[in-house]
Amino acid sequence: MHIVTSCIALIGHWTLGLLALGAMSQPLPQDQSVHEWGFEFDEPTLTQDLNTWAAGQPLVETAVGTASLRDLTVDLRDQQLVLRGTVNAAWLTAPVDLAASASMESGRLLVQVHDAHVNGFDLPQHMRWQLEQQLQDQVDRSLLEYKVVVRSVRVGDGRLVLRGSRQ
């Protein structure tokens, strides 16, 4: 069970990191006179960006061998972002998935992980909370770097749309 738990934690961490890095990889407009900004990500673009990023990452050591994520897909529906893929660790190949939502509060983009699974096993609540915190920290750092205040976020119809202003 310890092997499954450590593998689940690793994959969940990787998956959320991929999501944060993929979403924040789009540059903001360089025109400093433009204070309003917006990003719109569609499923195919985000899926491609995440798979490209994952393919370039070094393998990670786990209790069952080196691990990597493959075949990632993103669904943006009903105010949820659902990420699915496959983890390969030595002799083990298993499906992974997670569901998260994004909201806005006081100019801050908030992320909440609702479900996460590896090979059909639920990620325990405390691990989901840790992953959520790691993703939130990454999002906060990225938005702080660009001095962005989020005004709205919408997830649905195959799109993730962020609107806001630069400080």
C-alpha atoms as a PDB file:
ATOM      1  CA  MET A   1       0.000   0.000   0.000  1.00  0.00           C
ATOM      2  CA  HIS A   2       2.936   2.352   0.727  1.00  0.00           C
ATOM      3  CA  ILE A   3       4.119   1.951  -2.860  1.00  0.00           C
ATOM      4  CA  VAL A   4       0.676   2.858  -4.223  1.00  0.00           C
ATOM      5  CA  THR A   5       0.415   5.852  -1.869  1.00  0.00           C
ATOM      6  CA  SER A   6       3.838   7.229  -2.817  1.00  0.00           C
ATOM      7  CA  CYS A   7       3.095   6.702  -6.509  1.00  0.00           C
ATOM      8  CA  ILE A   8      -0.277   8.453  -6.139  1.00  0.00           C
ATOM      9  CA  ALA A   9       1.334  11.404  -4.357  1.00  0.00           C
ATOM     10  CA  LEU A  10       4.037  11.728  -6.992  1.00  0.00           C
ATOM     11  CA  ILE A  11       1.631  11.537  -9.911  1.00  0.00           C
ATOM     12  CA  GLY A  12      -0.793  13.960  -8.345  1.00  0.00           C
ATOM     13  CA  HIS A  13       2.038  16.417  -7.717  1.00  0.00           C
ATOM     14  CA  TRP A  14       3.314  16.074 -11.267  1.00  0.00           C
ATOM     15  CA  THR A  15      -0.137  16.456 -12.754  1.00  0.00           C
ATOM     16  CA  LEU A  16      -0.894  19.656 -10.875  1.00  0.00           C
ATOM     17  CA  GLY A  17       2.550  21.027 -11.629  1.00  0.00           C
ATOM     18  CA  LEU A  18       2.012  20.328 -15.311  1.00  0.00           C
ATOM     19  CA  LEU A  19      -1.293  22.113 -15.204  1.00  0.00           C
ATOM     20  CA  ALA A  20       0.124  25.181 -13.491  1.00  0.00           C
ATOM     21  CA  LEU A  21       3.147  25.389 -15.773  1.00  0.00           C
ATOM     22  CA  GLY A  22       1.119  24.855 -18.910  1.00  0.00           C
ATOM     23  CA  ALA A  23      -1.461  27.468 -18.007  1.00  0.00           C
ATOM     24  CA  MET A  24       1.109  30.034 -16.968  1.00  0.00           C
ATOM     25  CA  SER A  25       3.452  29.504 -19.927  1.00  0.00           C
ATOM     26  CA  GLN A  26       1.601  32.001 -22.110  1.00  0.00           C
ATOM     27  CA  PRO A  27       3.336  35.428 -22.015  1.00  0.00           C
ATOM     28  CA  LEU A  28       1.462  38.561 -21.020  1.00  0.00           C
ATOM     29  CA  PRO A  29       1.362  41.486 -23.465  1.00  0.00           C
ATOM     30  CA  GLN A  30       4.602  43.470 -23.259  1.00  0.00           C
ATOM     31  CA  ASP A  31       2.928  46.847 -23.873  1.00  0.00           C
ATOM     32  CA  GLN A  32       3.140  48.452 -20.433  1.00  0.00           C
ATOM     33  CA  SER A  33       0.391  50.946 -21.323  1.00  0.00           C
ATOM     34  CA  VAL A  34      -2.094  48.069 -21.581  1.00  0.00           C
ATOM     35  CA  HIS A  35      -3.438  47.410 -18.106  1.00  0.00           C
ATOM     36  CA  GLU A  36      -6.294  45.069 -19.029  1.00  0.00           C
ATOM     37  CA  TRP A  37      -5.365  41.560 -20.087  1.00  0.00           C
ATOM     38  CA  GLY A  38      -6.975  38.280 -20.872  1.00  0.00           C
ATOM     39  CA  PHE A  39      -5.983  34.715 -21.583  1.00  0.00           C
ATOM     40  CA  GLU A  40      -8.025  32.109 -23.331  1.00  0.00           C
ATOM     41  CA  PHE A  41      -6.833  28.527 -23.416  1.00  0.00           C
ATOM     42  CA  ASP A  42      -8.603  25.837 -25.386  1.00  0.00           C
ATOM     43  CA  GLU A  43      -8.458  22.113 -24.708  1.00  0.00           C
ATOM     44  CA  PRO A  44      -6.253  21.139 -27.682  1.00  0.00           C
ATOM     45  CA  THR A  45      -3.677  23.848 -26.975  1.00  0.00           C
ATOM     46  CA  LEU A  46      -3.489  23.133 -23.256  1.00  0.00           C
ATOM     47  CA  THR A  47      -3.344  19.373 -23.930  1.00  0.00           C
ATOM     48  CA  GLN A  48      -0.503  19.831 -26.428  1.00  0.00           C
ATOM     49  CA  ASP A  49       1.427  22.198 -24.132  1.00  0.00           C
ATOM     50  CA  LEU A  50       1.148  19.817 -21.180  1.00  0.00           C
ATOM     51  CA  ASN A  51       2.230  16.777 -23.212  1.00  0.00           C
ATOM     52  CA  THR A  52       5.192  18.693 -24.633  1.00  0.00           C
ATOM     53  CA  TRP A  53       6.208  19.805 -21.163  1.00  0.00           C
ATOM     54  CA  ALA A  54       5.795  16.289 -19.714  1.00  0.00           C
ATOM     55  CA  ALA A  55       7.903  14.743 -22.493  1.00  0.00           C
ATOM     56  CA  GLY A  56      10.772  17.078 -21.657  1.00  0.00           C
ATOM     57  CA  GLN A  57      10.809  16.328 -17.934  1.00  0.00           C
ATOM     58  CA  PRO A  58      13.365  13.971 -16.389  1.00  0.00           C
ATOM     59  CA  LEU A  59      12.113  10.674 -15.052  1.00  0.00           C
ATOM     60  CA  VAL A  60      11.303  10.677 -11.344  1.00  0.00           C
ATOM     61  CA  GLU A  61      12.363   7.879  -9.006  1.00  0.00           C
ATOM     62  CA  THR A  62       9.538   6.175  -7.088  1.00  0.00           C
ATOM     63  CA  ALA A  63       9.328   3.072  -4.933  1.00  0.00           C
ATOM     64  CA  VAL A  64       8.362   1.048  -8.034  1.00  0.00           C
ATOM     65  CA  GLY A  65      10.923   2.562 -10.415  1.00  0.00           C
ATOM     66  CA  THR A  66      11.238   5.652 -12.580  1.00  0.00           C
ATOM     67  CA  ALA A  67       7.940   7.335 -13.425  1.00  0.00           C
ATOM     68  CA  SER A  68       6.653   9.522 -16.223  1.00  0.00           C
ATOM     69  CA  LEU A  69       3.302  10.892 -17.372  1.00  0.00           C
ATOM     70  CA  ARG A  70       2.026  10.327 -20.899  1.00  0.00           C
ATOM     71  CA  ASP A  71      -1.047  10.790 -23.053  1.00  0.00           C
ATOM     72  CA  LEU A  72      -2.427  13.753 -21.104  1.00  0.00           C
ATOM     73  CA  THR A  73      -5.783  15.199 -22.128  1.00  0.00           C
ATOM     74  CA  VAL A  74      -7.657  18.192 -20.747  1.00  0.00           C
ATOM     75  CA  ASP A  75     -11.436  18.649 -20.577  1.00  0.00           C
ATOM     76  CA  LEU A  76     -12.787  22.104 -19.713  1.00  0.00           C
ATOM     77  CA  ARG A  77     -16.486  21.679 -18.920  1.00  0.00           C
ATOM     78  CA  ASP A  78     -19.069  22.737 -16.352  1.00  0.00           C
ATOM     79  CA  GLN A  79     -16.692  24.965 -14.353  1.00  0.00           C
ATOM     80  CA  GLN A  80     -14.241  22.071 -13.981  1.00  0.00           C
ATOM     81  CA  LEU A  81     -10.894  21.236 -15.449  1.00  0.00           C
ATOM     82  CA  VAL A  82     -10.472  17.477 -15.793  1.00  0.00           C
ATOM     83  CA  LEU A  83      -7.031  16.104 -16.571  1.00  0.00           C
ATOM     84  CA  ARG A  84      -6.536  12.492 -17.651  1.00  0.00           C
ATOM     85  CA  GLY A  85      -3.440  10.586 -18.612  1.00  0.00           C
ATOM     86  CA  THR A  86      -1.268   7.564 -17.999  1.00  0.00           C
ATOM     87  CA  VAL A  87       1.561   7.075 -15.547  1.00  0.00           C
ATOM     88  CA  ASN A  88       4.349   4.679 -16.421  1.00  0.00           C
ATOM     89  CA  ALA A  89       6.544   3.538 -13.549  1.00  0.00           C
ATOM     90  CA  ALA A  90       8.840   0.607 -14.284  1.00  0.00           C
ATOM     91  CA  TRP A  91       6.468  -2.308 -14.955  1.00  0.00           C
ATOM     92  CA  LEU A  92       3.377  -0.383 -13.827  1.00  0.00           C
ATOM     93  CA  THR A  93       1.129   1.501 -16.252  1.00  0.00           C
ATOM     94  CA  ALA A  94      -1.977   3.074 -14.774  1.00  0.00           C
ATOM     95  CA  PRO A  95      -4.571   5.679 -15.687  1.00  0.00           C
ATOM     96  CA  VAL A  96      -4.541   8.939 -13.730  1.00  0.00           C
ATOM     97  CA  ASP A  97      -7.174  11.638 -13.518  1.00  0.00           C
ATOM     98  CA  LEU A  98      -8.041  14.664 -11.474  1.00  0.00           C
ATOM     99  CA  ALA A  99     -10.792  17.263 -11.397  1.00  0.00           C
ATOM    100  CA  ALA A 100     -10.221  20.833 -10.260  1.00  0.00           C
ATOM    101  CA  SER A 101     -12.067  24.118 -10.334  1.00  0.00           C
ATOM    102  CA  ALA A 102     -10.940  27.720 -10.378  1.00  0.00           C
ATOM    103  CA  SER A 103     -12.599  30.723  -8.805  1.00  0.00           C
ATOM    104  CA  MET A 104     -11.734  34.304  -8.029  1.00  0.00           C
ATOM    105  CA  GLU A 105     -11.561  36.063  -4.690  1.00  0.00           C
ATOM    106  CA  SER A 106     -10.238  39.589  -4.061  1.00  0.00           C
ATOM    107  CA  GLY A 107      -8.177  39.612  -7.265  1.00  0.00           C
ATOM    108  CA  ARG A 108      -6.699  36.185  -6.592  1.00  0.00           C
ATOM    109  CA  LEU A 109      -7.197  33.060  -8.671  1.00  0.00           C
ATOM    110  CA  LEU A 110      -8.127  30.192  -6.333  1.00  0.00           C
ATOM    111  CA  VAL A 111      -7.733  26.536  -7.244  1.00  0.00           C
ATOM    112  CA  GLN A 112      -9.586  23.632  -5.654  1.00  0.00           C
ATOM    113  CA  VAL A 113      -8.889  19.954  -6.353  1.00  0.00           C
ATOM    114  CA  HIS A 114     -12.070  17.908  -6.047  1.00  0.00           C
ATOM    115  CA  ASP A 115     -11.005  14.431  -7.137  1.00  0.00           C
ATOM    116  CA  ALA A 116      -7.762  12.680  -7.985  1.00  0.00           C
ATOM    117  CA  HIS A 117      -7.253   9.023  -8.862  1.00  0.00           C
ATOM    118  CA  VAL A 118      -4.504   6.647  -9.897  1.00  0.00           C
ATOM    119  CA  ASN A 119      -5.706   3.365 -11.377  1.00  0.00           C
ATOM    120  CA  GLY A 120      -9.134   4.070  -9.925  1.00  0.00           C
ATOM    121  CA  PHE A 121      -7.879   4.599  -6.346  1.00  0.00           C
ATOM    122  CA  ASP A 122      -8.897   7.866  -4.688  1.00  0.00           C
ATOM    123  CA  LEU A 123      -6.090  10.120  -3.603  1.00  0.00           C
ATOM    124  CA  PRO A 124      -6.587  10.653   0.154  1.00  0.00           C
ATOM    125  CA  GLN A 125      -7.997  14.037   1.195  1.00  0.00           C
ATOM    126  CA  HIS A 126      -4.782  15.180   2.902  1.00  0.00           C
ATOM    127  CA  MET A 127      -2.789  14.468  -0.269  1.00  0.00           C
ATOM    128  CA  ARG A 128      -5.338  16.328  -2.412  1.00  0.00           C
ATOM    129  CA  TRP A 129      -5.044  19.259  -0.028  1.00  0.00           C
ATOM    130  CA  GLN A 130      -1.217  19.206  -0.330  1.00  0.00           C
ATOM    131  CA  LEU A 131      -1.485  19.112  -4.121  1.00  0.00           C
ATOM    132  CA  GLU A 132      -3.998  21.935  -4.079  1.00  0.00           C
ATOM    133  CA  GLN A 133      -1.616  24.010  -1.934  1.00  0.00           C
ATOM    134  CA  GLN A 134       1.306  23.329  -4.277  1.00  0.00           C
ATOM    135  CA  LEU A 135      -0.754  24.318  -7.302  1.00  0.00           C
ATOM    136  CA  GLN A 136      -2.069  27.420  -5.530  1.00  0.00           C
ATOM    137  CA  ASP A 137       1.488  28.446  -4.641  1.00  0.00           C
ATOM    138  CA  GLN A 138       2.566  28.038  -8.292  1.00  0.00           C
ATOM    139  CA  VAL A 139      -0.394  30.072  -9.569  1.00  0.00           C
ATOM    140  CA  ASP A 140       0.222  32.793  -6.954  1.00  0.00           C
ATOM    141  CA  ARG A 141       3.927  33.032  -7.856  1.00  0.00           C
ATOM    142  CA  SER A 142       3.163  33.213 -11.574  1.00  0.00           C
ATOM    143  CA  LEU A 143       0.549  35.948 -11.205  1.00  0.00           C
ATOM    144  CA  LEU A 144       2.712  37.891  -8.747  1.00  0.00           C
ATOM    145  CA  GLU A 145       5.628  37.792 -11.186  1.00  0.00           C
ATOM    146  CA  TYR A 146       3.433  39.476 -13.813  1.00  0.00           C
ATOM    147  CA  LYS A 147       1.759  41.793 -11.242  1.00  0.00           C
ATOM    148  CA  VAL A 148      -1.689  40.631 -12.250  1.00  0.00           C
ATOM    149  CA  VAL A 149      -5.020  41.097 -10.493  1.00  0.00           C
ATOM    150  CA  VAL A 150      -7.605  38.555 -11.669  1.00  0.00           C
ATOM    151  CA  ARG A 151     -11.064  39.997 -12.361  1.00  0.00           C
ATOM    152  CA  SER A 152     -12.803  36.888 -13.669  1.00  0.00           C
ATOM    153  CA  VAL A 153     -12.258  33.227 -14.457  1.00  0.00           C
ATOM    154  CA  ARG A 154     -14.481  30.945 -16.506  1.00  0.00           C
ATOM    155  CA  VAL A 155     -14.062  27.257 -17.275  1.00  0.00           C
ATOM    156  CA  GLY A 156     -16.423  25.676 -19.766  1.00  0.00           C
ATOM    157  CA  ASP A 157     -17.287  24.971 -23.369  1.00  0.00           C
ATOM    158  CA  GLY A 158     -13.756  23.717 -23.971  1.00  0.00           C
ATOM    159  CA  ARG A 159     -12.100  26.946 -22.777  1.00  0.00           C
ATOM    160  CA  LEU A 160     -10.370  28.419 -19.751  1.00  0.00           C
ATOM    161  CA  VAL A 161     -10.729  32.214 -19.814  1.00  0.00           C
ATOM    162  CA  LEU A 162      -8.939  34.566 -17.416  1.00  0.00           C
ATOM    163  CA  ARG A 163      -9.455  38.340 -17.397  1.00  0.00           C
ATOM    164  CA  GLY A 164      -7.805  40.935 -15.206  1.00  0.00           C
ATOM    165  CA  SER A 165      -5.513  43.908 -15.016  1.00  0.00           C
ATOM    166  CA  ARG A 166      -1.854  44.612 -14.382  1.00  0.00           C
ATOM    167  CA  GLN A 167      -0.887  46.551 -11.307  1.00  0.00           C
END
